[in-house]
């Protein structure tokens, strides 16, 4: 990789697979130089503009969890567009581990990440880990959405 420029998929995946400051506690600080100052991030919960706001969001996520792991399952790159498929394994202070499965669409400009859109089913993946609630939620989803 050039100095803080993403030039290919292998280097990008290497950055994302090495985000741990200590076991179960990721830190994204080392990949922040690869994000543009005006990064636009959006997921199921929030929209964020700016690298500082994005860094604060990643730190909040790590602080809220007892253990947090990111597993990259696959990735593809076409020009300035990167898609990755991932699994976030998270456990909060008093709850068991649960997995949230998702993908990210990442847009580059001059080797910097200018846009990241994360797609995932937050509530479905969380509710699937709550035995008494799982069946009711899935029944509702089938009846409401097919």
C-alpha atoms as a PDB file:
ATOM      1  CA  UNK A   1       0.000   0.000   0.000  1.00  0.00           C
ATOM      2  CA  UNK A   2       1.067   3.546  -0.678  1.00  0.00           C
ATOM      3  CA  UNK A   3       1.268   5.936   2.248  1.00  0.00           C
ATOM      4  CA  UNK A   4      -2.325   5.804   3.512  1.00  0.00           C
ATOM      5  CA  UNK A   5      -3.833   4.928   0.150  1.00  0.00           C
ATOM      6  CA  UNK A   6      -5.822   1.803  -0.591  1.00  0.00           C
ATOM      7  CA  UNK A   7      -4.526   0.338  -3.825  1.00  0.00           C
ATOM      8  CA  UNK A   8      -6.060  -3.134  -3.861  1.00  0.00           C
ATOM      9  CA  UNK A   9      -8.311  -5.603  -2.106  1.00  0.00           C
ATOM     10  CA  UNK A  10      -5.600  -7.658  -0.304  1.00  0.00           C
ATOM     11  CA  UNK A  11      -4.198  -4.588   1.459  1.00  0.00           C
ATOM     12  CA  UNK A  12      -7.671  -3.368   2.347  1.00  0.00           C
ATOM     13  CA  UNK A  13      -8.694  -6.726   3.815  1.00  0.00           C
ATOM     14  CA  UNK A  14      -5.455  -6.878   5.787  1.00  0.00           C
ATOM     15  CA  UNK A  15      -6.295  -3.527   7.401  1.00  0.00           C
ATOM     16  CA  UNK A  16      -9.752  -4.698   8.408  1.00  0.00           C
ATOM     17  CA  UNK A  17      -8.619  -8.062   9.727  1.00  0.00           C
ATOM     18  CA  UNK A  18      -6.062  -6.477  12.057  1.00  0.00           C
ATOM     19  CA  UNK A  19      -8.179  -4.075  14.089  1.00  0.00           C
ATOM     20  CA  UNK A  20      -7.574  -5.469  17.570  1.00  0.00           C
ATOM     21  CA  UNK A  21      -5.843  -3.417  20.253  1.00  0.00           C
ATOM     22  CA  UNK A  22      -6.315  -6.395  22.592  1.00  0.00           C
ATOM     23  CA  UNK A  23      -8.372  -9.611  22.331  1.00  0.00           C
ATOM     24  CA  UNK A  24     -12.052  -8.759  21.920  1.00  0.00           C
ATOM     25  CA  UNK A  25     -11.400  -5.006  21.882  1.00  0.00           C
ATOM     26  CA  UNK A  26     -11.011  -3.539  18.406  1.00  0.00           C
ATOM     27  CA  UNK A  27      -9.476  -0.150  17.754  1.00  0.00           C
ATOM     28  CA  UNK A  28      -9.918   1.497  14.396  1.00  0.00           C
ATOM     29  CA  UNK A  29      -7.384   4.279  14.959  1.00  0.00           C
ATOM     30  CA  UNK A  30      -4.765   2.659  12.706  1.00  0.00           C
ATOM     31  CA  UNK A  31      -7.129   2.626   9.712  1.00  0.00           C
ATOM     32  CA  UNK A  32      -8.382   6.187  10.164  1.00  0.00           C
ATOM     33  CA  UNK A  33      -5.611   7.624   7.918  1.00  0.00           C
ATOM     34  CA  UNK A  34      -7.256   5.677   5.056  1.00  0.00           C
ATOM     35  CA  UNK A  35     -10.549   7.532   5.563  1.00  0.00           C
ATOM     36  CA  UNK A  36     -11.188  10.881   3.916  1.00  0.00           C
ATOM     37  CA  UNK A  37     -11.751  13.812   6.297  1.00  0.00           C
ATOM     38  CA  UNK A  38     -15.324  14.115   4.954  1.00  0.00           C
ATOM     39  CA  UNK A  39     -16.212  10.398   5.090  1.00  0.00           C
ATOM     40  CA  UNK A  40     -19.941   9.700   4.839  1.00  0.00           C
ATOM     41  CA  UNK A  41     -20.997   6.638   6.837  1.00  0.00           C
ATOM     42  CA  UNK A  42     -24.497   5.198   7.003  1.00  0.00           C
ATOM     43  CA  UNK A  43     -25.955   2.055   8.526  1.00  0.00           C
ATOM     44  CA  UNK A  44     -29.306   0.870   9.915  1.00  0.00           C
ATOM     45  CA  UNK A  45     -28.961   3.089  12.961  1.00  0.00           C
ATOM     46  CA  UNK A  46     -27.190   6.293  11.962  1.00  0.00           C
ATOM     47  CA  UNK A  47     -25.725   8.610   9.350  1.00  0.00           C
ATOM     48  CA  UNK A  48     -22.390  10.234  10.121  1.00  0.00           C
ATOM     49  CA  UNK A  49     -20.289  12.747   8.227  1.00  0.00           C
ATOM     50  CA  UNK A  50     -16.653  13.404   9.033  1.00  0.00           C
ATOM     51  CA  UNK A  51     -13.734  11.323  10.193  1.00  0.00           C
ATOM     52  CA  UNK A  52     -13.843  12.542  13.806  1.00  0.00           C
ATOM     53  CA  UNK A  53     -17.532  11.629  14.196  1.00  0.00           C
ATOM     54  CA  UNK A  54     -16.862   8.240  12.581  1.00  0.00           C
ATOM     55  CA  UNK A  55     -13.968   7.550  14.979  1.00  0.00           C
ATOM     56  CA  UNK A  56     -16.146   8.484  17.975  1.00  0.00           C
ATOM     57  CA  UNK A  57     -18.815   6.045  16.759  1.00  0.00           C
ATOM     58  CA  UNK A  58     -16.303   3.187  16.479  1.00  0.00           C
ATOM     59  CA  UNK A  59     -14.978   3.910  19.986  1.00  0.00           C
ATOM     60  CA  UNK A  60     -18.525   3.924  21.444  1.00  0.00           C
ATOM     61  CA  UNK A  61     -19.204   0.535  19.865  1.00  0.00           C
ATOM     62  CA  UNK A  62     -16.054  -0.963  21.367  1.00  0.00           C
ATOM     63  CA  UNK A  63     -16.743   0.561  24.810  1.00  0.00           C
ATOM     64  CA  UNK A  64     -20.334  -0.727  24.983  1.00  0.00           C
ATOM     65  CA  UNK A  65     -19.351  -4.323  24.442  1.00  0.00           C
ATOM     66  CA  UNK A  66     -17.674  -6.833  26.691  1.00  0.00           C
ATOM     67  CA  UNK A  67     -16.252  -8.599  23.651  1.00  0.00           C
ATOM     68  CA  UNK A  68     -16.372  -7.600  20.003  1.00  0.00           C
ATOM     69  CA  UNK A  69     -14.970  -9.420  16.992  1.00  0.00           C
ATOM     70  CA  UNK A  70     -15.129  -8.644  13.288  1.00  0.00           C
ATOM     71  CA  UNK A  71     -14.745 -11.516  10.881  1.00  0.00           C
ATOM     72  CA  UNK A  72     -14.337 -10.757   7.186  1.00  0.00           C
ATOM     73  CA  UNK A  73     -15.809 -13.628   5.143  1.00  0.00           C
ATOM     74  CA  UNK A  74     -15.264 -12.332   1.615  1.00  0.00           C
ATOM     75  CA  UNK A  75     -14.523  -9.251  -0.399  1.00  0.00           C
ATOM     76  CA  UNK A  76     -14.508  -7.957  -3.946  1.00  0.00           C
ATOM     77  CA  UNK A  77     -13.146  -4.837  -5.582  1.00  0.00           C
ATOM     78  CA  UNK A  78     -14.110  -3.255  -8.886  1.00  0.00           C
ATOM     79  CA  UNK A  79     -12.278  -0.035  -9.597  1.00  0.00           C
ATOM     80  CA  UNK A  80     -13.025   2.347  -6.748  1.00  0.00           C
ATOM     81  CA  UNK A  81     -15.780   0.192  -5.232  1.00  0.00           C
ATOM     82  CA  UNK A  82     -15.209  -2.439  -2.531  1.00  0.00           C
ATOM     83  CA  UNK A  83     -17.789  -4.866  -1.147  1.00  0.00           C
ATOM     84  CA  UNK A  84     -17.088  -6.950   1.948  1.00  0.00           C
ATOM     85  CA  UNK A  85     -19.183  -9.571   3.704  1.00  0.00           C
ATOM     86  CA  UNK A  86     -18.653  -9.661   7.457  1.00  0.00           C
ATOM     87  CA  UNK A  87     -19.823 -10.983  10.785  1.00  0.00           C
ATOM     88  CA  UNK A  88     -19.754  -8.947  13.963  1.00  0.00           C
ATOM     89  CA  UNK A  89     -19.696 -11.176  17.039  1.00  0.00           C
ATOM     90  CA  UNK A  90     -20.652  -9.114  20.046  1.00  0.00           C
ATOM     91  CA  UNK A  91     -21.397  -9.725  23.695  1.00  0.00           C
ATOM     92  CA  UNK A  92     -22.654  -7.060  26.014  1.00  0.00           C
ATOM     93  CA  UNK A  93     -22.043  -7.036  29.734  1.00  0.00           C
ATOM     94  CA  UNK A  94     -24.849  -9.402  30.795  1.00  0.00           C
ATOM     95  CA  UNK A  95     -25.943 -11.021  27.522  1.00  0.00           C
ATOM     96  CA  UNK A  96     -24.530 -14.005  25.633  1.00  0.00           C
ATOM     97  CA  UNK A  97     -22.584 -13.629  22.392  1.00  0.00           C
ATOM     98  CA  UNK A  98     -24.606 -12.932  19.293  1.00  0.00           C
ATOM     99  CA  UNK A  99     -23.652 -12.474  15.657  1.00  0.00           C
ATOM    100  CA  UNK A 100     -24.778  -9.726  13.336  1.00  0.00           C
ATOM    101  CA  UNK A 101     -24.165 -10.570   9.680  1.00  0.00           C
ATOM    102  CA  UNK A 102     -23.740  -7.840   7.138  1.00  0.00           C
ATOM    103  CA  UNK A 103     -21.972  -6.325   4.203  1.00  0.00           C
ATOM    104  CA  UNK A 104     -20.352  -3.001   3.448  1.00  0.00           C
ATOM    105  CA  UNK A 105     -20.208  -0.983   0.259  1.00  0.00           C
ATOM    106  CA  UNK A 106     -17.101   1.189   0.329  1.00  0.00           C
ATOM    107  CA  UNK A 107     -16.324   3.905  -2.190  1.00  0.00           C
ATOM    108  CA  UNK A 108     -12.775   5.170  -2.722  1.00  0.00           C
ATOM    109  CA  UNK A 109     -11.460   8.381  -4.214  1.00  0.00           C
ATOM    110  CA  UNK A 110      -7.706   8.750  -4.726  1.00  0.00           C
ATOM    111  CA  UNK A 111      -7.196   5.701  -2.496  1.00  0.00           C
ATOM    112  CA  UNK A 112      -9.156   7.125   0.451  1.00  0.00           C
ATOM    113  CA  UNK A 113     -12.508   5.896   1.755  1.00  0.00           C
ATOM    114  CA  UNK A 114     -15.045   8.625   1.034  1.00  0.00           C
ATOM    115  CA  UNK A 115     -18.214   6.625   1.656  1.00  0.00           C
ATOM    116  CA  UNK A 116     -19.120   3.516   3.626  1.00  0.00           C
ATOM    117  CA  UNK A 117     -22.615   2.040   3.711  1.00  0.00           C
ATOM    118  CA  UNK A 118     -23.164  -0.927   6.040  1.00  0.00           C
ATOM    119  CA  UNK A 119     -26.136  -3.242   5.476  1.00  0.00           C
ATOM    120  CA  UNK A 120     -27.384  -5.639   8.150  1.00  0.00           C
ATOM    121  CA  UNK A 121     -30.504  -6.889   9.925  1.00  0.00           C
ATOM    122  CA  UNK A 122     -29.704  -5.643  13.417  1.00  0.00           C
ATOM    123  CA  UNK A 123     -32.959  -6.589  15.114  1.00  0.00           C
ATOM    124  CA  UNK A 124     -33.375  -9.944  13.392  1.00  0.00           C
ATOM    125  CA  UNK A 125     -29.859 -11.083  14.284  1.00  0.00           C
ATOM    126  CA  UNK A 126     -30.214  -9.901  17.884  1.00  0.00           C
ATOM    127  CA  UNK A 127     -33.742 -11.288  18.384  1.00  0.00           C
ATOM    128  CA  UNK A 128     -32.685 -14.664  16.968  1.00  0.00           C
ATOM    129  CA  UNK A 129     -30.543 -15.048  20.096  1.00  0.00           C
ATOM    130  CA  UNK A 130     -33.452 -14.487  22.521  1.00  0.00           C
ATOM    131  CA  UNK A 131     -35.318 -17.831  22.712  1.00  0.00           C
ATOM    132  CA  UNK A 132     -38.711 -16.582  23.951  1.00  0.00           C
ATOM    133  CA  UNK A 133     -38.743 -13.661  21.509  1.00  0.00           C
ATOM    134  CA  UNK A 134     -37.274 -15.286  18.390  1.00  0.00           C
ATOM    135  CA  UNK A 135     -40.406 -17.170  17.346  1.00  0.00           C
ATOM    136  CA  UNK A 136     -42.735 -14.209  17.843  1.00  0.00           C
ATOM    137  CA  UNK A 137     -40.442 -11.862  15.906  1.00  0.00           C
ATOM    138  CA  UNK A 138     -39.999 -14.270  12.975  1.00  0.00           C
ATOM    139  CA  UNK A 139     -43.769 -14.942  12.878  1.00  0.00           C
ATOM    140  CA  UNK A 140     -44.426 -11.206  12.770  1.00  0.00           C
ATOM    141  CA  UNK A 141     -41.877 -10.716   9.985  1.00  0.00           C
ATOM    142  CA  UNK A 142     -43.393 -13.524   7.866  1.00  0.00           C
ATOM    143  CA  UNK A 143     -46.928 -12.161   8.294  1.00  0.00           C
ATOM    144  CA  UNK A 144     -45.994  -8.519   7.779  1.00  0.00           C
ATOM    145  CA  UNK A 145     -43.442  -8.861   4.989  1.00  0.00           C
ATOM    146  CA  UNK A 146     -44.038 -12.222   3.370  1.00  0.00           C
END
